[in-house]
């Protein structure tokens, strides 16, 4: 069972790691191999709970006792069981290639060629789709992961000059050195009403592609 995704990289990594850990607990407790629907349910429930604020758009694929499965799980928690799917910024070009040439009972080599053409469509028509094609072939009891199966837009030319600049290239306008032993530390006493309180806004403090944990210091108001 494998998963690929689009959206915020940190969110995709966190969600897939969380699902992987939950599946391992299920395997240990039941002494059985997990089904694809287990992974889909865990991911869907987690993403639905946060209402789309976790930017993870996932495609889960695998083979279990019920056969092969390909499932799209959106950031809002919606699920689609599909024969093919594409997601990400280059998905429009990719899905157009798949819809034009997909047919049932494709041979393995035909499927590999079609996926390469689809991903190449995203590479050439979208600046955020990278330049390499990776394939993951999932069969019953066997997984073949082909890293850099096709590499596009190789860098053919490099400038002769070096980007390693010698020390002193940037002029230092002013330099000041203070020894820690010479610093004087004074204790400052403050009344309780002006002390700062720490407010922790826990996850998820993310909106769409923004992914930050937020801490802010808020001054307490004086009591009248």
C-alpha atoms as a PDB file:
ATOM      1  CA  UNK A   1       0.000   0.000   0.000  1.00  0.00           C
ATOM      2  CA  UNK A   2       1.485   3.334  -1.069  1.00  0.00           C
ATOM      3  CA  UNK A   3       0.374   6.963  -0.969  1.00  0.00           C
ATOM      4  CA  UNK A   4       1.288  10.049  -2.974  1.00  0.00           C
ATOM      5  CA  UNK A   5      -0.054  13.523  -2.482  1.00  0.00           C
ATOM      6  CA  UNK A   6      -0.123  17.193  -3.307  1.00  0.00           C
ATOM      7  CA  UNK A   7      -0.602  20.320  -1.219  1.00  0.00           C
ATOM      8  CA  UNK A   8       1.538  21.364   1.726  1.00  0.00           C
ATOM      9  CA  UNK A   9       4.540  19.037   1.950  1.00  0.00           C
ATOM     10  CA  UNK A  10       4.663  19.098   5.760  1.00  0.00           C
ATOM     11  CA  UNK A  11       0.962  18.240   6.012  1.00  0.00           C
ATOM     12  CA  UNK A  12       1.264  15.366   3.522  1.00  0.00           C
ATOM     13  CA  UNK A  13       4.244  13.936   5.441  1.00  0.00           C
ATOM     14  CA  UNK A  14       2.494  14.260   8.796  1.00  0.00           C
ATOM     15  CA  UNK A  15      -0.775  12.694   7.643  1.00  0.00           C
ATOM     16  CA  UNK A  16       0.879   9.765   5.853  1.00  0.00           C
ATOM     17  CA  UNK A  17       3.153   9.088   8.848  1.00  0.00           C
ATOM     18  CA  UNK A  18       0.158   9.177  11.174  1.00  0.00           C
ATOM     19  CA  UNK A  19      -1.799   6.763   8.962  1.00  0.00           C
ATOM     20  CA  UNK A  20       1.213   4.438   8.737  1.00  0.00           C
ATOM     21  CA  UNK A  21       1.544   4.329  12.529  1.00  0.00           C
ATOM     22  CA  UNK A  22      -2.168   3.648  12.983  1.00  0.00           C
ATOM     23  CA  UNK A  23      -2.046   0.807  10.453  1.00  0.00           C
ATOM     24  CA  UNK A  24       0.912  -0.726  12.278  1.00  0.00           C
ATOM     25  CA  UNK A  25      -1.070  -0.698  15.536  1.00  0.00           C
ATOM     26  CA  UNK A  26      -3.998  -2.390  13.780  1.00  0.00           C
ATOM     27  CA  UNK A  27      -1.682  -5.086  12.410  1.00  0.00           C
ATOM     28  CA  UNK A  28      -0.164  -5.719  15.830  1.00  0.00           C
ATOM     29  CA  UNK A  29      -3.544  -5.875  17.586  1.00  0.00           C
ATOM     30  CA  UNK A  30      -5.338  -8.058  15.028  1.00  0.00           C
ATOM     31  CA  UNK A  31      -2.408 -10.065  13.634  1.00  0.00           C
ATOM     32  CA  UNK A  32      -3.813  -9.410  10.152  1.00  0.00           C
ATOM     33  CA  UNK A  33      -2.755  -7.403   7.143  1.00  0.00           C
ATOM     34  CA  UNK A  34      -4.619  -4.122   6.838  1.00  0.00           C
ATOM     35  CA  UNK A  35      -6.945  -3.404   3.953  1.00  0.00           C
ATOM     36  CA  UNK A  36      -6.813  -0.263   1.832  1.00  0.00           C
ATOM     37  CA  UNK A  37     -10.120   0.867   3.309  1.00  0.00           C
ATOM     38  CA  UNK A  38      -8.436   1.035   6.740  1.00  0.00           C
ATOM     39  CA  UNK A  39      -5.929   3.600   5.510  1.00  0.00           C
ATOM     40  CA  UNK A  40      -8.624   5.531   3.641  1.00  0.00           C
ATOM     41  CA  UNK A  41     -10.883   5.694   6.711  1.00  0.00           C
ATOM     42  CA  UNK A  42      -8.086   6.911   9.008  1.00  0.00           C
ATOM     43  CA  UNK A  43      -6.953   9.608   6.571  1.00  0.00           C
ATOM     44  CA  UNK A  44     -10.522  10.678   5.741  1.00  0.00           C
ATOM     45  CA  UNK A  45     -11.601  11.022   9.372  1.00  0.00           C
ATOM     46  CA  UNK A  46      -8.504  13.026  10.275  1.00  0.00           C
ATOM     47  CA  UNK A  47      -8.823  15.441   7.342  1.00  0.00           C
ATOM     48  CA  UNK A  48     -12.588  15.821   7.721  1.00  0.00           C
ATOM     49  CA  UNK A  49     -12.138  16.757  11.392  1.00  0.00           C
ATOM     50  CA  UNK A  50      -9.976  19.748  10.429  1.00  0.00           C
ATOM     51  CA  UNK A  51     -12.317  20.886   7.665  1.00  0.00           C
ATOM     52  CA  UNK A  52      -9.759  21.394   4.918  1.00  0.00           C
ATOM     53  CA  UNK A  53      -7.239  23.372   6.961  1.00  0.00           C
ATOM     54  CA  UNK A  54      -4.685  20.571   6.550  1.00  0.00           C
ATOM     55  CA  UNK A  55      -3.378  20.843   3.000  1.00  0.00           C
ATOM     56  CA  UNK A  56      -3.061  17.156   2.132  1.00  0.00           C
ATOM     57  CA  UNK A  57      -4.611  15.886  -1.108  1.00  0.00           C
ATOM     58  CA  UNK A  58      -3.841  12.181  -1.219  1.00  0.00           C
ATOM     59  CA  UNK A  59      -3.978   9.276  -3.656  1.00  0.00           C
ATOM     60  CA  UNK A  60      -3.816   5.897  -1.909  1.00  0.00           C
ATOM     61  CA  UNK A  61      -3.147   2.751  -3.918  1.00  0.00           C
ATOM     62  CA  UNK A  62      -2.767  -0.857  -2.885  1.00  0.00           C
ATOM     63  CA  UNK A  63      -3.768  -4.484  -3.280  1.00  0.00           C
ATOM     64  CA  UNK A  64      -5.532  -6.401  -0.498  1.00  0.00           C
ATOM     65  CA  UNK A  65      -7.853  -9.393  -0.143  1.00  0.00           C
ATOM     66  CA  UNK A  66     -10.522  -7.498  -2.096  1.00  0.00           C
ATOM     67  CA  UNK A  67      -8.237  -6.785  -5.059  1.00  0.00           C
ATOM     68  CA  UNK A  68      -6.514  -3.628  -6.363  1.00  0.00           C
ATOM     69  CA  UNK A  69      -7.714  -0.198  -5.220  1.00  0.00           C
ATOM     70  CA  UNK A  70      -7.001   3.410  -6.110  1.00  0.00           C
ATOM     71  CA  UNK A  71      -8.572   6.061  -3.864  1.00  0.00           C
ATOM     72  CA  UNK A  72      -8.492   9.840  -3.837  1.00  0.00           C
ATOM     73  CA  UNK A  73      -8.825  11.511  -0.413  1.00  0.00           C
ATOM     74  CA  UNK A  74      -9.222  15.291  -0.512  1.00  0.00           C
ATOM     75  CA  UNK A  75      -8.189  17.770   2.175  1.00  0.00           C
ATOM     76  CA  UNK A  76     -11.864  18.174   3.121  1.00  0.00           C
ATOM     77  CA  UNK A  77     -12.225  14.440   3.788  1.00  0.00           C
ATOM     78  CA  UNK A  78     -14.170  13.474   0.658  1.00  0.00           C
ATOM     79  CA  UNK A  79     -13.300  10.096  -0.892  1.00  0.00           C
ATOM     80  CA  UNK A  80     -13.414   8.774  -4.470  1.00  0.00           C
ATOM     81  CA  UNK A  81     -12.718   5.162  -5.503  1.00  0.00           C
ATOM     82  CA  UNK A  82     -11.448   5.594  -9.058  1.00  0.00           C
ATOM     83  CA  UNK A  83      -9.675   3.667 -11.854  1.00  0.00           C
ATOM     84  CA  UNK A  84      -7.284   6.579 -12.386  1.00  0.00           C
ATOM     85  CA  UNK A  85      -6.663   9.997 -10.857  1.00  0.00           C
ATOM     86  CA  UNK A  86      -4.285  12.962 -10.920  1.00  0.00           C
ATOM     87  CA  UNK A  87      -3.822  15.714  -8.369  1.00  0.00           C
ATOM     88  CA  UNK A  88      -1.575  18.699  -7.871  1.00  0.00           C
ATOM     89  CA  UNK A  89      -0.797  21.810  -9.882  1.00  0.00           C
ATOM     90  CA  UNK A  90      -0.048  19.822 -13.056  1.00  0.00           C
ATOM     91  CA  UNK A  91      -3.079  17.569 -12.752  1.00  0.00           C
ATOM     92  CA  UNK A  92      -5.090  19.236 -15.545  1.00  0.00           C
ATOM     93  CA  UNK A  93      -2.487  18.348 -18.150  1.00  0.00           C
ATOM     94  CA  UNK A  94      -1.945  14.893 -16.664  1.00  0.00           C
ATOM     95  CA  UNK A  95      -5.604  13.949 -16.408  1.00  0.00           C
ATOM     96  CA  UNK A  96      -6.261  15.084 -19.992  1.00  0.00           C
ATOM     97  CA  UNK A  97      -3.648  12.612 -21.244  1.00  0.00           C
ATOM     98  CA  UNK A  98      -5.054   9.787 -19.103  1.00  0.00           C
ATOM     99  CA  UNK A  99      -8.652  10.424 -20.181  1.00  0.00           C
ATOM    100  CA  UNK A 100      -7.610  10.444 -23.832  1.00  0.00           C
ATOM    101  CA  UNK A 101      -5.698   7.151 -23.830  1.00  0.00           C
ATOM    102  CA  UNK A 102      -6.879   5.117 -20.829  1.00  0.00           C
ATOM    103  CA  UNK A 103      -8.691   1.839 -21.423  1.00  0.00           C
ATOM    104  CA  UNK A 104      -9.512  -1.147 -19.275  1.00  0.00           C
ATOM    105  CA  UNK A 105      -7.123  -4.109 -19.109  1.00  0.00           C
ATOM    106  CA  UNK A 106      -4.054  -2.110 -20.084  1.00  0.00           C
ATOM    107  CA  UNK A 107      -0.858  -4.133 -20.338  1.00  0.00           C
ATOM    108  CA  UNK A 108       1.848  -3.193 -17.846  1.00  0.00           C
ATOM    109  CA  UNK A 109       4.099  -1.563 -20.429  1.00  0.00           C
ATOM    110  CA  UNK A 110       1.151   0.337 -21.913  1.00  0.00           C
ATOM    111  CA  UNK A 111       0.208   1.624 -18.445  1.00  0.00           C
ATOM    112  CA  UNK A 112       3.779   2.720 -17.752  1.00  0.00           C
ATOM    113  CA  UNK A 113       3.954   4.558 -21.060  1.00  0.00           C
ATOM    114  CA  UNK A 114       0.630   6.298 -20.429  1.00  0.00           C
ATOM    115  CA  UNK A 115       1.638   7.441 -16.922  1.00  0.00           C
ATOM    116  CA  UNK A 116       4.947   8.787 -18.242  1.00  0.00           C
ATOM    117  CA  UNK A 117       3.121  10.778 -20.929  1.00  0.00           C
ATOM    118  CA  UNK A 118       0.659  12.110 -18.353  1.00  0.00           C
ATOM    119  CA  UNK A 119       3.339  13.264 -15.930  1.00  0.00           C
ATOM    120  CA  UNK A 120       5.361  14.770 -18.778  1.00  0.00           C
ATOM    121  CA  UNK A 121       2.292  16.829 -19.621  1.00  0.00           C
ATOM    122  CA  UNK A 122       2.377  18.255 -16.100  1.00  0.00           C
ATOM    123  CA  UNK A 123       6.137  18.853 -16.269  1.00  0.00           C
ATOM    124  CA  UNK A 124       5.995  20.834 -19.506  1.00  0.00           C
ATOM    125  CA  UNK A 125       2.847  22.829 -18.713  1.00  0.00           C
ATOM    126  CA  UNK A 126       3.315  23.578 -15.018  1.00  0.00           C
ATOM    127  CA  UNK A 127       6.338  25.176 -13.352  1.00  0.00           C
ATOM    128  CA  UNK A 128       5.688  23.433 -10.024  1.00  0.00           C
ATOM    129  CA  UNK A 129       5.703  19.839 -11.257  1.00  0.00           C
ATOM    130  CA  UNK A 130       9.434  19.139 -11.158  1.00  0.00           C
ATOM    131  CA  UNK A 131      11.349  17.349 -13.911  1.00  0.00           C
ATOM    132  CA  UNK A 132      11.507  13.645 -12.959  1.00  0.00           C
ATOM    133  CA  UNK A 133       9.057  10.766 -13.387  1.00  0.00           C
ATOM    134  CA  UNK A 134       8.862   8.136 -10.621  1.00  0.00           C
ATOM    135  CA  UNK A 135       6.757   5.004 -11.014  1.00  0.00           C
ATOM    136  CA  UNK A 136       5.390   2.717  -8.295  1.00  0.00           C
ATOM    137  CA  UNK A 137       4.042  -0.601  -9.596  1.00  0.00           C
ATOM    138  CA  UNK A 138       1.916  -2.348  -6.948  1.00  0.00           C
ATOM    139  CA  UNK A 139       1.022  -5.981  -7.497  1.00  0.00           C
ATOM    140  CA  UNK A 140      -0.175  -8.676  -5.119  1.00  0.00           C
ATOM    141  CA  UNK A 141       2.789  -9.559  -2.914  1.00  0.00           C
ATOM    142  CA  UNK A 142       5.160  -7.356  -4.916  1.00  0.00           C
ATOM    143  CA  UNK A 143       6.006  -3.661  -5.158  1.00  0.00           C
ATOM    144  CA  UNK A 144       8.441  -2.166  -7.658  1.00  0.00           C
ATOM    145  CA  UNK A 145       9.456   1.454  -7.080  1.00  0.00           C
ATOM    146  CA  UNK A 146      11.219   3.000 -10.078  1.00  0.00           C
ATOM    147  CA  UNK A 147      12.964   6.153  -8.976  1.00  0.00           C
ATOM    148  CA  UNK A 148      13.904   8.623 -11.773  1.00  0.00           C
ATOM    149  CA  UNK A 149      12.355   6.338 -14.388  1.00  0.00           C
ATOM    150  CA  UNK A 150      12.450   9.288 -16.777  1.00  0.00           C
ATOM    151  CA  UNK A 151      14.381  12.525 -16.287  1.00  0.00           C
ATOM    152  CA  UNK A 152      13.321  15.573 -18.250  1.00  0.00           C
ATOM    153  CA  UNK A 153      14.852  19.022 -18.717  1.00  0.00           C
ATOM    154  CA  UNK A 154      18.365  18.033 -17.707  1.00  0.00           C
ATOM    155  CA  UNK A 155      20.806  20.845 -17.047  1.00  0.00           C
ATOM    156  CA  UNK A 156      23.057  20.689 -20.096  1.00  0.00           C
ATOM    157  CA  UNK A 157      25.137  23.795 -19.453  1.00  0.00           C
ATOM    158  CA  UNK A 158      26.764  25.240 -16.356  1.00  0.00           C
ATOM    159  CA  UNK A 159      28.465  28.616 -16.125  1.00  0.00           C
ATOM    160  CA  UNK A 160      32.235  28.452 -15.879  1.00  0.00           C
ATOM    161  CA  UNK A 161      32.663  30.937 -13.058  1.00  0.00           C
ATOM    162  CA  UNK A 162      32.412  29.685  -9.502  1.00  0.00           C
ATOM    163  CA  UNK A 163      29.843  30.858  -6.977  1.00  0.00           C
ATOM    164  CA  UNK A 164      32.349  30.411  -4.101  1.00  0.00           C
ATOM    165  CA  UNK A 165      33.437  33.942  -3.277  1.00  0.00           C
ATOM    166  CA  UNK A 166      36.697  34.515  -1.344  1.00  0.00           C
ATOM    167  CA  UNK A 167      36.620  35.870   2.172  1.00  0.00           C
ATOM    168  CA  UNK A 168      36.574  39.661   2.242  1.00  0.00           C
ATOM    169  CA  UNK A 169      34.547  40.062  -0.964  1.00  0.00           C
ATOM    170  CA  UNK A 170      31.802  41.802   1.017  1.00  0.00           C
ATOM    171  CA  UNK A 171      33.158  44.840   2.812  1.00  0.00           C
ATOM    172  CA  UNK A 172      32.576  44.996   6.589  1.00  0.00           C
ATOM    173  CA  UNK A 173      31.466  48.528   7.449  1.00  0.00           C
ATOM    174  CA  UNK A 174      31.502  48.217  11.230  1.00  0.00           C
ATOM    175  CA  UNK A 175      32.498  45.584  13.757  1.00  0.00           C
ATOM    176  CA  UNK A 176      31.838  45.533  17.498  1.00  0.00           C
ATOM    177  CA  UNK A 177      32.871  42.776  19.918  1.00  0.00           C
ATOM    178  CA  UNK A 178      31.441  42.604  23.443  1.00  0.00           C
ATOM    179  CA  UNK A 179      32.663  40.069  25.971  1.00  0.00           C
ATOM    180  CA  UNK A 180      29.948  38.275  27.897  1.00  0.00           C
ATOM    181  CA  UNK A 181      31.873  38.820  31.128  1.00  0.00           C
ATOM    182  CA  UNK A 182      31.482  42.586  30.685  1.00  0.00           C
ATOM    183  CA  UNK A 183      27.691  42.466  30.399  1.00  0.00           C
ATOM    184  CA  UNK A 184      25.723  43.591  33.414  1.00  0.00           C
ATOM    185  CA  UNK A 185      22.501  41.732  34.115  1.00  0.00           C
ATOM    186  CA  UNK A 186      19.986  43.516  36.295  1.00  0.00           C
ATOM    187  CA  UNK A 187      16.869  41.985  37.762  1.00  0.00           C
ATOM    188  CA  UNK A 188      13.719  43.922  37.004  1.00  0.00           C
ATOM    189  CA  UNK A 189      10.678  43.551  39.209  1.00  0.00           C
ATOM    190  CA  UNK A 190       7.306  44.191  37.609  1.00  0.00           C
ATOM    191  CA  UNK A 191       3.861  44.332  39.156  1.00  0.00           C
ATOM    192  CA  UNK A 192       1.616  41.354  38.419  1.00  0.00           C
ATOM    193  CA  UNK A 193      -0.859  43.366  36.361  1.00  0.00           C
ATOM    194  CA  UNK A 194       1.704  44.147  33.630  1.00  0.00           C
ATOM    195  CA  UNK A 195       3.195  40.657  33.340  1.00  0.00           C
ATOM    196  CA  UNK A 196       2.761  38.915  30.016  1.00  0.00           C
ATOM    197  CA  UNK A 197       0.817  35.687  29.634  1.00  0.00           C
ATOM    198  CA  UNK A 198       1.560  33.032  27.022  1.00  0.00           C
ATOM    199  CA  UNK A 199      -1.246  31.992  24.694  1.00  0.00           C
ATOM    200  CA  UNK A 200      -0.659  28.812  22.685  1.00  0.00           C
ATOM    201  CA  UNK A 201      -2.831  28.360  19.632  1.00  0.00           C
ATOM    202  CA  UNK A 202      -2.420  24.649  18.973  1.00  0.00           C
ATOM    203  CA  UNK A 203      -2.786  22.914  15.614  1.00  0.00           C
ATOM    204  CA  UNK A 204      -4.218  23.278  13.164  1.00  0.00           C
ATOM    205  CA  UNK A 205      -3.171  26.909  12.731  1.00  0.00           C
ATOM    206  CA  UNK A 206      -2.892  26.590   8.981  1.00  0.00           C
ATOM    207  CA  UNK A 207      -4.960  27.942   6.128  1.00  0.00           C
ATOM    208  CA  UNK A 208      -4.565  26.376   2.692  1.00  0.00           C
ATOM    209  CA  UNK A 209      -0.846  26.424   1.869  1.00  0.00           C
ATOM    210  CA  UNK A 210       0.159  28.261   5.073  1.00  0.00           C
ATOM    211  CA  UNK A 211       1.459  25.960   7.780  1.00  0.00           C
ATOM    212  CA  UNK A 212       2.594  27.593  10.999  1.00  0.00           C
ATOM    213  CA  UNK A 213       2.311  27.039  14.718  1.00  0.00           C
ATOM    214  CA  UNK A 214       1.426  30.339  16.386  1.00  0.00           C
ATOM    215  CA  UNK A 215       2.530  31.635  19.744  1.00  0.00           C
ATOM    216  CA  UNK A 216       1.712  35.148  20.884  1.00  0.00           C
ATOM    217  CA  UNK A 217       2.360  37.127  24.038  1.00  0.00           C
ATOM    218  CA  UNK A 218      -0.593  39.117  25.267  1.00  0.00           C
ATOM    219  CA  UNK A 219      -0.444  41.797  27.920  1.00  0.00           C
ATOM    220  CA  UNK A 220      -2.960  41.282  30.671  1.00  0.00           C
ATOM    221  CA  UNK A 221      -5.441  44.088  31.202  1.00  0.00           C
ATOM    222  CA  UNK A 222      -5.466  45.909  34.493  1.00  0.00           C
ATOM    223  CA  UNK A 223      -8.437  45.218  36.681  1.00  0.00           C
ATOM    224  CA  UNK A 224     -10.530  48.305  37.390  1.00  0.00           C
END
